[in-house]
N, C-alpha and C. Protein backbone atom coordinates (compact mmCIF):
# COMPACT_ATOMS: atom_id res chain seq x y z
N UNK A 1 94.18 96.03 111.04
CA UNK A 1 94.23 97.37 110.52
C UNK A 1 94.84 97.33 109.12
N UNK A 2 94.21 97.94 108.16
CA UNK A 2 94.74 97.87 106.80
C UNK A 2 96.01 98.69 106.63
N UNK A 3 96.79 98.27 105.66
CA UNK A 3 98.01 99.00 105.36
C UNK A 3 97.68 100.26 104.58
N UNK A 4 98.59 101.22 104.67
CA UNK A 4 98.41 102.45 103.91
C UNK A 4 98.66 102.17 102.43
N UNK A 5 98.15 103.06 101.57
CA UNK A 5 98.39 102.84 100.15
C UNK A 5 99.86 103.05 99.85
N UNK A 6 100.34 102.36 98.86
CA UNK A 6 101.76 102.33 98.53
C UNK A 6 102.26 103.71 98.12
N UNK A 7 103.45 104.03 98.57
CA UNK A 7 104.06 105.32 98.24
C UNK A 7 104.73 105.22 96.87
N UNK A 8 104.53 106.20 96.06
CA UNK A 8 105.13 106.23 94.74
C UNK A 8 106.34 107.16 94.78
N UNK A 9 107.34 106.87 93.95
CA UNK A 9 108.56 107.68 93.96
C UNK A 9 108.30 109.09 93.46
N UNK A 10 107.34 109.22 92.53
CA UNK A 10 107.05 110.57 92.04
C UNK A 10 106.43 111.43 93.13
N UNK A 11 105.73 110.81 94.09
CA UNK A 11 105.16 111.59 95.19
C UNK A 11 106.27 112.14 96.10
N UNK A 12 107.28 111.33 96.37
CA UNK A 12 108.38 111.77 97.21
C UNK A 12 109.12 112.92 96.54
N UNK A 13 109.40 112.79 95.25
CA UNK A 13 110.09 113.88 94.55
C UNK A 13 109.23 115.14 94.50
N UNK A 14 107.92 114.96 94.35
CA UNK A 14 107.01 116.11 94.33
C UNK A 14 107.01 116.82 95.68
N UNK A 15 107.04 116.03 96.77
CA UNK A 15 107.08 116.62 98.11
C UNK A 15 108.34 117.45 98.28
N UNK A 16 109.49 116.90 97.90
CA UNK A 16 110.75 117.63 98.03
C UNK A 16 110.78 118.86 97.14
N UNK A 17 110.19 118.74 95.97
CA UNK A 17 110.14 119.88 95.04
C UNK A 17 109.28 121.01 95.60
N UNK A 18 108.11 120.66 96.13
CA UNK A 18 107.23 121.67 96.70
C UNK A 18 107.84 122.30 97.95
N UNK A 19 108.54 121.51 98.74
CA UNK A 19 109.20 122.05 99.93
C UNK A 19 110.31 123.02 99.54
N UNK A 20 111.03 122.71 98.45
CA UNK A 20 112.09 123.60 97.98
C UNK A 20 111.51 124.92 97.46
N UNK A 21 110.28 124.87 96.96
CA UNK A 21 109.62 126.09 96.48
C UNK A 21 109.11 126.95 97.64
N UNK A 22 109.18 126.43 98.87
CA UNK A 22 108.77 127.22 100.03
C UNK A 22 107.34 126.98 100.47
N UNK A 23 106.71 125.92 99.99
CA UNK A 23 105.34 125.60 100.40
C UNK A 23 105.32 125.06 101.82
N UNK A 24 104.23 125.30 102.52
CA UNK A 24 104.05 124.77 103.86
C UNK A 24 103.60 123.31 103.78
N UNK A 25 103.81 122.59 104.87
CA UNK A 25 103.44 121.18 104.91
C UNK A 25 101.94 121.00 104.70
N UNK A 26 101.14 121.89 105.27
CA UNK A 26 99.69 121.79 105.09
C UNK A 26 99.30 122.01 103.63
N UNK A 27 99.99 122.90 102.94
CA UNK A 27 99.70 123.12 101.52
C UNK A 27 100.12 121.92 100.68
N UNK A 28 101.28 121.33 101.04
CA UNK A 28 101.75 120.14 100.32
C UNK A 28 100.78 118.99 100.50
N UNK A 29 100.25 118.83 101.71
CA UNK A 29 99.33 117.71 101.97
C UNK A 29 98.04 117.87 101.18
N UNK A 30 97.59 119.10 100.96
CA UNK A 30 96.39 119.33 100.14
C UNK A 30 96.67 119.03 98.68
N UNK A 31 97.84 119.46 98.20
CA UNK A 31 98.19 119.25 96.78
C UNK A 31 98.35 117.76 96.47
N UNK A 32 99.05 117.04 97.34
CA UNK A 32 99.34 115.62 97.08
C UNK A 32 98.21 114.72 97.58
N UNK A 33 97.34 115.21 98.40
CA UNK A 33 96.23 114.46 98.96
C UNK A 33 96.74 113.35 99.90
N UNK A 34 97.66 113.73 100.76
CA UNK A 34 98.19 112.85 101.80
C UNK A 34 98.16 113.60 103.11
N UNK A 35 98.28 112.87 104.21
CA UNK A 35 98.22 113.51 105.52
C UNK A 35 99.49 114.30 105.82
N UNK A 36 99.37 115.22 106.77
CA UNK A 36 100.52 116.02 107.17
C UNK A 36 101.58 115.15 107.84
N UNK A 37 101.14 114.13 108.58
CA UNK A 37 102.08 113.21 109.23
C UNK A 37 102.92 112.49 108.19
N UNK A 38 102.28 112.11 107.10
CA UNK A 38 103.00 111.45 106.01
C UNK A 38 104.05 112.37 105.42
N UNK A 39 103.69 113.63 105.19
CA UNK A 39 104.63 114.60 104.62
C UNK A 39 105.81 114.80 105.56
N UNK A 40 105.53 114.93 106.87
CA UNK A 40 106.61 115.09 107.84
C UNK A 40 107.52 113.86 107.85
N UNK A 41 106.94 112.67 107.74
CA UNK A 41 107.73 111.45 107.74
C UNK A 41 108.66 111.38 106.54
N UNK A 42 108.16 111.80 105.38
CA UNK A 42 109.01 111.80 104.18
C UNK A 42 110.12 112.83 104.30
N UNK A 43 109.79 114.00 104.80
CA UNK A 43 110.79 115.06 104.90
C UNK A 43 111.83 114.78 105.99
N UNK A 44 111.44 114.11 107.06
CA UNK A 44 112.37 113.86 108.15
C UNK A 44 113.29 112.68 107.87
N UNK A 45 112.90 111.78 106.98
CA UNK A 45 113.76 110.63 106.69
C UNK A 45 114.83 111.04 105.69
N UNK A 46 116.05 110.77 106.03
CA UNK A 46 117.17 111.13 105.17
C UNK A 46 117.37 110.10 104.06
N UNK A 47 116.94 108.88 104.32
CA UNK A 47 117.13 107.83 103.32
C UNK A 47 115.88 107.73 102.42
N UNK A 48 115.90 106.79 101.54
CA UNK A 48 114.76 106.57 100.65
C UNK A 48 113.58 106.09 101.48
N UNK A 49 112.44 106.71 101.28
CA UNK A 49 111.26 106.38 102.08
C UNK A 49 110.67 105.06 101.63
N UNK A 50 110.32 104.20 102.59
CA UNK A 50 109.65 102.94 102.31
C UNK A 50 108.40 102.87 103.17
N UNK A 51 107.42 102.13 102.70
CA UNK A 51 106.20 101.96 103.47
C UNK A 51 106.51 101.15 104.72
N UNK A 52 105.74 101.37 105.78
CA UNK A 52 105.96 100.66 107.02
C UNK A 52 105.62 99.18 106.84
N UNK A 53 106.38 98.35 107.51
CA UNK A 53 106.07 96.93 107.50
C UNK A 53 104.88 96.67 108.40
N UNK A 54 104.25 95.58 108.17
CA UNK A 54 103.11 95.17 108.96
C UNK A 54 103.56 94.84 110.37
N UNK A 55 102.87 95.35 111.37
CA UNK A 55 103.25 95.06 112.74
C UNK A 55 102.58 93.77 113.19
N UNK A 56 103.15 93.14 114.18
CA UNK A 56 102.58 91.92 114.71
C UNK A 56 103.26 90.68 114.18
N UNK A 57 102.71 89.56 114.56
CA UNK A 57 103.29 88.27 114.18
C UNK A 57 103.04 88.00 112.70
N UNK A 58 104.06 87.54 111.98
CA UNK A 58 103.86 87.25 110.56
C UNK A 58 102.97 86.03 110.37
N UNK A 59 102.26 85.99 109.26
CA UNK A 59 101.35 84.88 108.98
C UNK A 59 102.13 83.64 108.57
N UNK A 60 101.61 82.48 108.96
CA UNK A 60 102.25 81.21 108.65
C UNK A 60 102.00 80.83 107.20
N UNK A 61 100.80 81.11 106.72
CA UNK A 61 100.44 80.73 105.35
C UNK A 61 100.38 81.96 104.47
N UNK A 62 100.67 81.75 103.20
CA UNK A 62 100.55 82.84 102.24
C UNK A 62 99.23 82.69 101.48
N UNK A 63 98.97 83.56 100.52
CA UNK A 63 97.71 83.53 99.79
C UNK A 63 97.52 82.23 99.03
N UNK A 64 98.60 81.68 98.48
CA UNK A 64 98.51 80.43 97.73
C UNK A 64 98.08 79.28 98.63
N UNK A 65 98.67 79.22 99.83
CA UNK A 65 98.29 78.17 100.80
C UNK A 65 96.84 78.35 101.24
N UNK A 66 96.42 79.59 101.46
CA UNK A 66 95.04 79.84 101.88
C UNK A 66 94.06 79.38 100.81
N UNK A 67 94.36 79.68 99.54
CA UNK A 67 93.48 79.23 98.46
C UNK A 67 93.44 77.71 98.36
N UNK A 68 94.58 77.06 98.60
CA UNK A 68 94.61 75.60 98.55
C UNK A 68 93.73 75.01 99.64
N UNK A 69 93.80 75.56 100.84
CA UNK A 69 92.97 75.09 101.95
C UNK A 69 91.50 75.29 101.62
N UNK A 70 91.15 76.47 101.12
CA UNK A 70 89.76 76.76 100.81
C UNK A 70 89.26 75.91 99.65
N UNK A 71 90.12 75.63 98.67
CA UNK A 71 89.73 74.79 97.54
C UNK A 71 89.47 73.36 97.98
N UNK A 72 90.33 72.82 98.86
CA UNK A 72 90.13 71.46 99.35
C UNK A 72 88.82 71.34 100.10
N UNK A 73 88.50 72.35 100.89
CA UNK A 73 87.28 72.28 101.69
C UNK A 73 86.04 72.46 100.83
N UNK A 74 86.12 73.31 99.83
CA UNK A 74 84.92 73.61 99.06
C UNK A 74 84.60 72.55 98.02
N UNK A 75 85.62 71.85 97.50
CA UNK A 75 85.35 70.86 96.45
C UNK A 75 84.90 69.53 97.02
N UNK A 76 85.35 69.18 98.22
CA UNK A 76 84.96 67.91 98.82
C UNK A 76 84.45 68.16 100.23
N UNK A 77 83.63 67.24 100.71
CA UNK A 77 83.17 67.33 102.08
C UNK A 77 84.22 66.67 102.96
N UNK A 78 85.16 67.45 103.44
CA UNK A 78 86.26 66.93 104.24
C UNK A 78 86.21 67.56 105.63
N UNK A 79 86.67 66.81 106.60
CA UNK A 79 86.80 67.38 107.93
C UNK A 79 88.06 68.24 107.96
N UNK A 80 88.20 68.99 109.04
CA UNK A 80 89.36 69.87 109.17
C UNK A 80 90.63 69.04 109.24
N UNK A 81 90.58 67.91 109.92
CA UNK A 81 91.75 67.03 110.01
C UNK A 81 92.14 66.49 108.63
N UNK A 82 91.15 66.10 107.84
CA UNK A 82 91.44 65.59 106.49
C UNK A 82 92.06 66.67 105.61
N UNK A 83 91.55 67.88 105.72
CA UNK A 83 92.13 69.00 104.96
C UNK A 83 93.56 69.23 105.41
N UNK A 84 93.80 69.14 106.72
CA UNK A 84 95.14 69.35 107.26
C UNK A 84 96.11 68.30 106.72
N UNK A 85 95.69 67.04 106.67
CA UNK A 85 96.57 65.98 106.18
C UNK A 85 96.80 66.08 104.68
N UNK A 86 95.75 66.35 103.92
CA UNK A 86 95.88 66.34 102.47
C UNK A 86 96.55 67.60 101.91
N UNK A 87 96.56 68.68 102.70
CA UNK A 87 97.18 69.91 102.20
C UNK A 87 98.70 69.83 102.19
N UNK A 88 99.27 69.02 103.05
CA UNK A 88 100.72 68.90 103.10
C UNK A 88 101.39 70.01 103.88
N UNK A 89 100.62 70.89 104.50
CA UNK A 89 101.17 71.99 105.29
C UNK A 89 101.29 71.57 106.74
N UNK A 90 102.30 72.03 107.42
CA UNK A 90 102.45 71.72 108.83
C UNK A 90 101.86 72.87 109.65
N UNK A 91 100.54 72.91 109.68
CA UNK A 91 99.82 73.95 110.41
C UNK A 91 98.79 73.29 111.31
N UNK A 92 98.29 74.03 112.27
CA UNK A 92 97.34 73.48 113.23
C UNK A 92 95.94 73.41 112.63
N UNK A 93 95.10 72.61 113.27
CA UNK A 93 93.72 72.50 112.79
C UNK A 93 92.96 73.80 113.04
N UNK A 94 93.36 74.56 114.07
CA UNK A 94 92.71 75.84 114.33
C UNK A 94 92.99 76.83 113.20
N UNK A 95 94.21 76.80 112.66
CA UNK A 95 94.52 77.68 111.54
C UNK A 95 93.71 77.29 110.31
N UNK A 96 93.58 75.98 110.07
CA UNK A 96 92.76 75.51 108.95
C UNK A 96 91.33 76.01 109.11
N UNK A 97 90.82 75.90 110.31
CA UNK A 97 89.44 76.34 110.59
C UNK A 97 89.29 77.84 110.37
N UNK A 98 90.27 78.63 110.82
CA UNK A 98 90.20 80.07 110.63
C UNK A 98 90.23 80.45 109.16
N UNK A 99 91.09 79.80 108.37
CA UNK A 99 91.17 80.11 106.94
C UNK A 99 89.88 79.75 106.22
N UNK A 100 89.25 78.66 106.64
CA UNK A 100 87.97 78.28 106.03
C UNK A 100 86.87 79.26 106.44
N UNK A 101 86.89 79.69 107.69
CA UNK A 101 85.88 80.64 108.16
C UNK A 101 86.01 82.00 107.47
N UNK A 102 87.23 82.36 107.03
CA UNK A 102 87.41 83.62 106.33
C UNK A 102 86.59 83.67 105.05
N UNK A 103 86.39 82.54 104.41
CA UNK A 103 85.61 82.51 103.17
C UNK A 103 84.12 82.46 103.44
N UNK A 104 83.74 81.98 104.62
CA UNK A 104 82.32 81.89 104.93
C UNK A 104 81.66 80.65 104.37
N UNK A 105 82.44 79.63 103.99
CA UNK A 105 81.87 78.42 103.42
C UNK A 105 81.71 77.30 104.41
N UNK A 106 82.30 77.42 105.61
CA UNK A 106 82.26 76.36 106.58
C UNK A 106 80.92 76.34 107.31
N UNK A 107 80.35 75.15 107.44
CA UNK A 107 79.09 74.98 108.16
C UNK A 107 79.41 74.34 109.50
N UNK A 108 79.01 75.01 110.57
CA UNK A 108 79.28 74.48 111.89
C UNK A 108 78.19 73.48 112.26
N UNK A 109 78.59 72.23 112.50
CA UNK A 109 77.64 71.16 112.83
C UNK A 109 78.09 70.53 114.12
N UNK A 110 77.14 70.26 115.02
CA UNK A 110 77.48 69.58 116.28
C UNK A 110 77.39 68.10 116.11
């Protein structure tokens, strides 16, 4: 599930300003072009609003590692095991295979 778009500080101040003027939450959501649930979440939080963190298990590799895996596979004809050894990452061969499949460059051969 994709993350929501990042909240800007000017949006939070605009929400509080419009609420102080006596606007309804539905009117604020139309003006700011955000959902009513979002407006309620900003108004109900007493602290500085932050975007929700990603739920679920965190990823083992970052974007730089993913690009390195994909670059190794695309520049040379290497097996998954060879990519795993030459990348220097301590990850499983299944993870290497998944990262390569994300690009769509891997050819499945029996």
